[in-house]
Amino acid sequence: MRTITLRRSLVALFAAAISFGAITQAQAETLRIGYQKYGTLVLLKAKGTLEKRLAEKGIDVQWTEFPGGPQLLEGLNVGSIDFGTTGEAPPIFAQAAGADLLYVAHEPPAPTSEAILVPKGSSLKSVADLKGKKVALNKGSNVHYLLVRALEDAGLSIKDITPVYLPPADARAAFERGSVDAWVIWDPFQAAAERQLQARSLRDGKDLVANHQFYLAAKPYAEKHPDVLGVLVEEIRAVGEWTQANSEAATIQVAPLLGLPADITRLAVERQTYGAQLISPQVVEAQQKIADTFSDLQLIPKRLSIKDVVWTPPANLAQAR
């Protein structure tokens, strides 16, 4: 009797071990992607092509939405996601804070997809008029650099204004209440404010910033799964090319996901750029300039080396750039 009981116990223990191993394996084979309110990753999520490609490798995809780039990279840093997309500034602030990340790819410049907005009845006519005013922005986001450059171009500095650091939803509420004089924001929030609130663009990024969108990965994930990153870049590029050739279809697909009318979504889709590429020396140089600017302004505590955190793809993917 004792032998039978012992045997049953061992069988149960073995079954539990197998079950635990299966759970661990399932967790190990899940790609966790962070995305924002709008961007190529939203289009990729809607298309479902990435899931099909990775299912062949036994990999599931888990999507998590973040309100902005800084929050997304905090998720990357603490290990809740493996991959995501942000504008130019968030990875610089994250790297300065010690995040273990790598730049994987980027989209072409989209300078009109972010802007400094003022209310429709505002008396402010130029960036120079922002002196002494309250300006809302998401701290550490791509628009942080736009604001710095726009002020510099107008002969001012960040010290000449009162920054009000708020995430997009709270910033819009403050903007509508009149609690701030201007709002620096990106699409689709920018498009929504322009169409719904008749907000006026004081200055967009044209001739000031490139406004690259970057795809970033946690370094440990990138080192372990370079093949998955290769598939990601291919699928991001493919859905971008499809969107560029089918902007109306993309608008119809994405508008319900954003909860925005088609005209607002279409404006955001058309201002976005598409065609993901691996990181080039020219893009590294441009990103280094932003990092040096933030260091000079003491917005980050130390000098950074961008080239040290760029993903080196396998030879076959590098040749397909």
Protein backbone atom coordinates (compact mmCIF):
# COMPACT_ATOMS: atom_id res chain seq x y z
CA MET A 1 0.00 0.00 0.00
CA ARG A 2 2.83 2.31 0.87
CA THR A 3 4.47 1.48 -2.47
CA ILE A 4 1.29 2.38 -4.38
CA THR A 5 0.89 5.64 -2.44
CA LEU A 6 4.52 6.55 -3.04
CA ARG A 7 4.19 5.77 -6.74
CA ARG A 8 1.08 7.94 -7.01
CA SER A 9 2.84 10.76 -5.22
CA LEU A 10 5.79 10.55 -7.60
CA VAL A 11 3.46 10.55 -10.62
CA ALA A 12 1.65 13.63 -9.27
CA LEU A 13 4.96 15.36 -8.57
CA PHE A 14 6.22 14.54 -12.07
CA ALA A 15 2.98 15.85 -13.61
CA ALA A 16 3.27 19.06 -11.60
CA ALA A 17 6.87 19.48 -12.72
CA ILE A 18 5.85 19.06 -16.36
CA SER A 19 3.02 21.56 -15.88
CA PHE A 20 5.36 24.08 -14.28
CA GLY A 21 7.87 23.57 -17.08
CA ALA A 22 5.16 24.17 -19.67
CA ILE A 23 4.13 27.40 -17.96
CA THR A 24 7.73 28.58 -17.78
CA GLN A 25 8.27 27.70 -21.44
CA ALA A 26 5.08 29.57 -22.40
CA GLN A 27 6.28 32.63 -20.53
CA ALA A 28 9.69 32.37 -22.20
CA GLU A 29 8.01 32.20 -25.63
CA THR A 30 5.88 35.32 -25.33
CA LEU A 31 6.97 38.54 -27.03
CA ARG A 32 5.67 41.50 -25.01
CA ILE A 33 5.26 44.66 -27.07
CA GLY A 34 4.60 48.16 -25.77
CA TYR A 35 2.80 50.61 -28.03
CA GLN A 36 1.26 54.07 -27.80
CA LYS A 37 -2.05 55.60 -28.86
CA TYR A 38 -0.96 55.80 -32.46
CA GLY A 39 1.93 54.68 -34.65
CA THR A 40 2.97 51.86 -36.93
CA LEU A 41 2.73 49.34 -34.10
CA VAL A 42 -1.00 50.09 -33.80
CA LEU A 43 -1.33 49.27 -37.50
CA LEU A 44 0.73 46.11 -37.03
CA LYS A 45 -1.45 45.03 -34.10
CA ALA A 46 -4.58 45.57 -36.19
CA LYS A 47 -3.25 43.59 -39.17
CA GLY A 48 -2.33 40.50 -37.13
CA THR A 49 0.49 39.48 -39.49
CA LEU A 50 3.13 39.44 -36.75
CA GLU A 51 1.15 36.93 -34.72
CA LYS A 52 0.92 34.64 -37.74
CA ARG A 53 4.66 34.84 -38.43
CA LEU A 54 5.67 34.21 -34.84
CA ALA A 55 3.11 31.46 -34.26
CA GLU A 56 5.19 29.40 -36.68
CA LYS A 57 8.04 29.74 -34.18
CA GLY A 58 5.81 28.88 -31.22
CA ILE A 59 5.82 32.48 -29.96
CA ASP A 60 2.76 34.37 -28.69
CA VAL A 61 2.48 38.17 -28.81
CA GLN A 62 1.22 40.26 -25.90
CA TRP A 63 0.38 43.96 -26.44
CA THR A 64 0.38 46.69 -23.76
CA GLU A 65 -0.63 50.32 -24.39
CA PHE A 66 1.27 53.18 -22.71
CA PRO A 67 0.33 56.89 -22.54
CA GLY A 68 3.77 58.04 -23.75
CA GLY A 69 7.35 57.08 -24.53
CA PRO A 70 8.82 57.69 -21.06
CA GLN A 71 6.23 55.42 -19.47
CA LEU A 72 6.79 52.77 -22.14
CA LEU A 73 10.54 52.73 -21.57
CA GLU A 74 10.01 52.49 -17.84
CA GLY A 75 8.06 49.33 -18.62
CA LEU A 76 10.98 48.12 -20.73
CA ASN A 77 13.42 48.93 -17.94
CA VAL A 78 11.51 47.05 -15.23
CA GLY A 79 11.00 44.03 -17.46
CA SER A 80 7.26 44.22 -18.18
CA ILE A 81 7.80 44.48 -21.97
CA ASP A 82 10.51 43.37 -24.39
CA PHE A 83 10.04 45.77 -27.32
CA GLY A 84 8.38 49.09 -28.05
CA THR A 85 8.40 52.38 -29.91
CA THR A 86 9.01 55.96 -28.81
CA GLY A 87 10.14 59.28 -30.18
CA GLU A 88 13.68 60.64 -30.00
CA ALA A 89 13.93 61.89 -26.43
CA PRO A 90 12.60 59.03 -24.26
CA PRO A 91 15.44 56.57 -24.98
CA ILE A 92 17.96 59.28 -24.12
CA PHE A 93 16.39 59.91 -20.73
CA ALA A 94 16.04 56.15 -20.21
CA GLN A 95 19.68 55.48 -21.10
CA ALA A 96 20.78 58.28 -18.76
CA ALA A 97 18.77 56.58 -16.01
CA GLY A 98 20.56 53.29 -16.62
CA ALA A 99 17.97 51.41 -18.67
CA ASP A 100 19.41 48.33 -20.41
CA LEU A 101 18.03 49.04 -23.88
CA LEU A 102 19.08 48.87 -27.52
CA TYR A 103 18.00 50.90 -30.55
CA VAL A 104 16.76 48.41 -33.16
CA ALA A 105 15.26 50.44 -36.03
CA HIS A 106 13.69 53.77 -36.90
CA GLU A 107 11.09 55.37 -39.15
CA PRO A 108 11.92 58.23 -41.56
CA PRO A 109 11.62 61.81 -40.23
CA ALA A 110 8.08 63.07 -39.51
CA PRO A 111 8.60 66.68 -38.40
CA THR A 112 4.97 67.77 -38.86
CA SER A 113 3.63 65.01 -36.60
CA GLU A 114 4.36 67.14 -33.52
CA ALA A 115 3.75 70.79 -32.78
CA ILE A 116 3.43 73.58 -30.24
CA LEU A 117 -0.29 74.34 -30.07
CA VAL A 118 -2.13 77.36 -28.69
CA PRO A 119 -5.89 77.83 -28.18
CA LYS A 120 -7.84 79.23 -31.13
CA GLY A 121 -8.36 82.60 -29.41
CA SER A 122 -4.78 82.94 -28.17
CA SER A 123 -2.95 86.21 -28.73
CA LEU A 124 0.35 84.35 -29.04
CA LYS A 125 1.67 84.64 -32.58
CA SER A 126 5.19 83.23 -32.39
CA VAL A 127 7.39 81.03 -30.22
CA ALA A 128 9.05 84.19 -28.88
CA ASP A 129 5.67 85.08 -27.33
CA LEU A 130 5.96 82.03 -25.05
CA LYS A 131 8.36 83.91 -22.78
CA GLY A 132 6.98 83.78 -19.24
CA LYS A 133 4.12 81.49 -20.28
CA LYS A 134 3.01 78.06 -19.06
CA VAL A 135 3.65 75.28 -21.56
CA ALA A 136 2.31 71.75 -21.09
CA LEU A 137 4.31 68.75 -22.31
CA ASN A 138 5.06 65.14 -21.47
CA LYS A 139 8.45 65.30 -19.75
CA GLY A 140 11.16 63.34 -21.51
CA SER A 141 9.08 62.73 -24.65
CA ASN A 142 9.89 63.62 -28.26
CA VAL A 143 8.19 67.01 -27.89
CA HIS A 144 10.61 67.93 -25.12
CA TYR A 145 13.33 68.28 -27.72
CA LEU A 146 10.99 70.12 -30.13
CA LEU A 147 10.28 72.69 -27.42
CA VAL A 148 13.98 73.11 -26.61
CA ARG A 149 14.85 73.63 -30.28
CA ALA A 150 11.93 75.96 -30.99
CA LEU A 151 12.80 78.15 -28.00
CA GLU A 152 16.46 78.18 -29.00
CA ASP A 153 15.50 79.20 -32.54
CA ALA A 154 13.46 82.08 -31.08
CA GLY A 155 16.35 83.26 -28.90
CA LEU A 156 14.92 81.77 -25.71
CA SER A 157 15.68 78.82 -23.45
CA ILE A 158 13.64 76.42 -21.37
CA LYS A 159 14.30 78.72 -18.41
CA ASP A 160 12.29 81.48 -20.11
CA ILE A 161 9.04 79.52 -19.81
CA THR A 162 7.24 77.57 -17.10
CA PRO A 163 7.08 73.92 -18.16
CA VAL A 164 4.03 72.04 -16.90
CA TYR A 165 4.79 68.35 -17.11
CA LEU A 166 1.64 66.33 -17.84
CA PRO A 167 0.77 63.17 -19.79
CA PRO A 168 -1.32 63.78 -22.94
CA ALA A 169 -4.81 63.29 -21.47
CA ASP A 170 -4.13 65.57 -18.50
CA ALA A 171 -2.36 68.09 -20.71
CA ARG A 172 -5.38 68.31 -23.03
CA ALA A 173 -7.66 68.91 -20.04
CA ALA A 174 -5.38 71.71 -18.81
CA PHE A 175 -5.22 73.14 -22.33
CA GLU A 176 -9.03 73.17 -22.62
CA ARG A 177 -9.43 74.78 -19.17
CA GLY A 178 -6.95 77.51 -20.05
CA SER A 179 -4.63 76.43 -17.23
CA VAL A 180 -1.70 76.52 -19.66
CA ASP A 181 -0.89 78.89 -22.50
CA ALA A 182 0.42 76.28 -24.94
CA TRP A 183 0.68 72.55 -25.39
CA VAL A 184 3.50 70.67 -27.12
CA ILE A 185 2.08 67.40 -28.42
CA TRP A 186 2.23 64.70 -31.12
CA ASP A 187 -0.32 62.90 -33.29
CA PRO A 188 -3.04 61.76 -32.93
CA PHE A 189 -3.51 64.09 -29.94
CA GLN A 190 -2.24 66.95 -32.10
CA ALA A 191 -4.71 66.21 -34.90
CA ALA A 192 -7.56 65.82 -32.43
CA ALA A 193 -6.83 69.18 -30.79
CA GLU A 194 -6.57 70.90 -34.17
CA ARG A 195 -9.89 69.50 -35.43
CA GLN A 196 -11.94 69.31 -32.23
CA LEU A 197 -10.65 72.38 -30.38
CA GLN A 198 -9.53 74.42 -33.40
CA ALA A 199 -6.13 74.66 -31.73
CA ARG A 200 -3.58 76.60 -33.76
CA SER A 201 -0.06 75.40 -34.49
CA LEU A 202 2.49 77.95 -33.31
CA ARG A 203 5.36 75.86 -34.68
CA ASP A 204 5.72 72.27 -35.80
CA GLY A 205 8.97 70.37 -36.18
CA LYS A 206 9.68 71.34 -39.78
CA ASP A 207 13.22 72.73 -40.17
CA LEU A 208 13.79 72.14 -36.45
CA VAL A 209 13.73 68.42 -35.67
CA ALA A 210 13.59 65.12 -37.52
CA ASN A 211 11.13 63.52 -35.10
CA HIS A 212 12.26 59.96 -35.76
CA GLN A 213 10.24 57.15 -34.26
CA PHE A 214 12.53 54.53 -32.76
CA TYR A 215 11.96 50.84 -32.11
CA LEU A 216 13.77 49.68 -29.00
CA ALA A 217 14.32 46.36 -27.27
CA ALA A 218 15.45 45.26 -23.86
CA LYS A 219 19.09 44.28 -24.33
CA PRO A 220 18.73 40.81 -22.75
CA TYR A 221 15.81 40.03 -25.08
CA ALA A 222 17.66 41.31 -28.15
CA GLU A 223 20.71 39.19 -27.35
CA LYS A 224 18.60 36.07 -26.85
CA HIS A 225 16.12 36.53 -29.72
CA PRO A 226 17.78 38.32 -32.68
CA ASP A 227 15.65 36.26 -35.08
CA VAL A 228 12.45 37.63 -33.51
CA LEU A 229 13.71 41.19 -33.87
CA GLY A 230 14.42 40.43 -37.52
CA VAL A 231 10.82 39.32 -38.04
CA LEU A 232 9.59 42.42 -36.18
CA VAL A 233 11.53 44.81 -38.43
CA GLU A 234 10.30 43.01 -41.55
CA GLU A 235 6.66 43.12 -40.44
CA ILE A 236 6.85 46.76 -39.30
CA ARG A 237 8.33 47.72 -42.66
CA ALA A 238 5.70 45.72 -44.56
CA VAL A 239 2.72 47.22 -42.72
CA GLY A 240 4.22 50.69 -43.17
CA GLU A 241 4.52 50.19 -46.91
CA TRP A 242 0.93 48.92 -47.02
CA THR A 243 -0.30 51.95 -45.07
CA GLN A 244 1.54 54.36 -47.35
CA ALA A 245 -0.14 52.80 -50.39
CA ASN A 246 -3.56 52.42 -48.70
CA SER A 247 -4.03 55.42 -46.40
CA GLU A 248 -7.82 55.34 -46.67
CA ALA A 249 -8.02 51.64 -45.77
CA ALA A 250 -5.58 52.23 -42.90
CA THR A 251 -7.73 55.09 -41.65
CA ILE A 252 -10.86 52.91 -41.65
CA GLN A 253 -8.98 50.19 -39.80
CA VAL A 254 -7.37 52.38 -37.17
CA ALA A 255 -10.04 55.01 -36.40
CA PRO A 256 -12.16 52.66 -34.23
CA LEU A 257 -9.06 51.56 -32.33
CA LEU A 258 -8.20 55.16 -31.53
CA GLY A 259 -11.79 56.12 -30.77
CA LEU A 260 -11.40 59.09 -33.12
CA PRO A 261 -13.38 60.26 -36.16
CA ALA A 262 -12.05 59.29 -39.58
CA ASP A 263 -11.01 62.85 -40.54
CA ILE A 264 -8.78 63.18 -37.48
CA THR A 265 -7.32 59.72 -37.94
CA ARG A 266 -6.66 60.39 -41.62
CA LEU A 267 -4.71 63.56 -40.77
CA ALA A 268 -2.52 61.61 -38.33
CA VAL A 269 -2.02 58.75 -40.82
CA GLU A 270 -0.97 61.14 -43.58
CA ARG A 271 1.49 63.06 -41.40
CA GLN A 272 3.14 59.88 -40.17
CA THR A 273 6.07 58.45 -42.17
CA TYR A 274 6.67 54.81 -42.99
CA GLY A 275 9.52 52.53 -44.02
CA ALA A 276 11.35 51.16 -40.98
CA GLN A 277 15.11 50.87 -41.37
CA LEU A 278 17.93 49.57 -39.22
CA ILE A 279 19.90 52.25 -37.39
CA SER A 280 22.39 54.06 -39.65
CA PRO A 281 25.47 56.08 -38.61
CA GLN A 282 23.64 59.25 -39.70
CA VAL A 283 20.74 58.54 -37.36
CA VAL A 284 23.16 57.73 -34.53
CA GLU A 285 24.83 61.10 -35.12
CA ALA A 286 21.49 62.93 -35.05
CA GLN A 287 20.45 61.16 -31.86
CA GLN A 288 23.84 61.92 -30.30
CA LYS A 289 23.24 65.62 -30.97
CA ILE A 290 19.98 65.46 -29.03
CA ALA A 291 21.67 63.66 -26.14
CA ASP A 292 24.45 66.25 -26.04
CA THR A 293 21.88 69.06 -26.06
CA PHE A 294 20.05 67.57 -23.08
CA SER A 295 23.36 67.08 -21.28
CA ASP A 296 24.40 70.68 -21.92
CA LEU A 297 21.05 71.86 -20.55
CA GLN A 298 21.53 69.57 -17.53
CA LEU A 299 18.27 67.80 -18.33
CA ILE A 300 20.19 64.53 -18.01
CA PRO A 301 22.96 63.95 -15.45
CA LYS A 302 25.74 62.74 -17.73
CA ARG A 303 27.08 62.53 -21.28
CA LEU A 304 25.91 59.53 -23.27
CA SER A 305 27.26 57.46 -26.13
CA ILE A 306 24.40 56.49 -28.44
CA LYS A 307 26.51 54.17 -30.60
CA ASP A 308 27.07 51.94 -27.57
CA VAL A 309 23.38 51.05 -27.38
CA VAL A 310 22.62 50.25 -31.02
CA TRP A 311 21.59 46.70 -31.85
CA THR A 312 23.93 44.75 -34.12
CA PRO A 313 21.71 42.52 -36.27
CA PRO A 314 22.70 39.12 -37.64
CA ALA A 315 24.57 39.31 -40.95
CA ASN A 316 21.62 38.11 -43.02
CA LEU A 317 19.32 40.84 -41.68
CA ALA A 318 21.99 43.54 -41.92
CA GLN A 319 22.44 42.73 -45.62
CA ALA A 320 18.68 43.04 -46.17
CA ARG A 321 18.56 46.57 -44.80
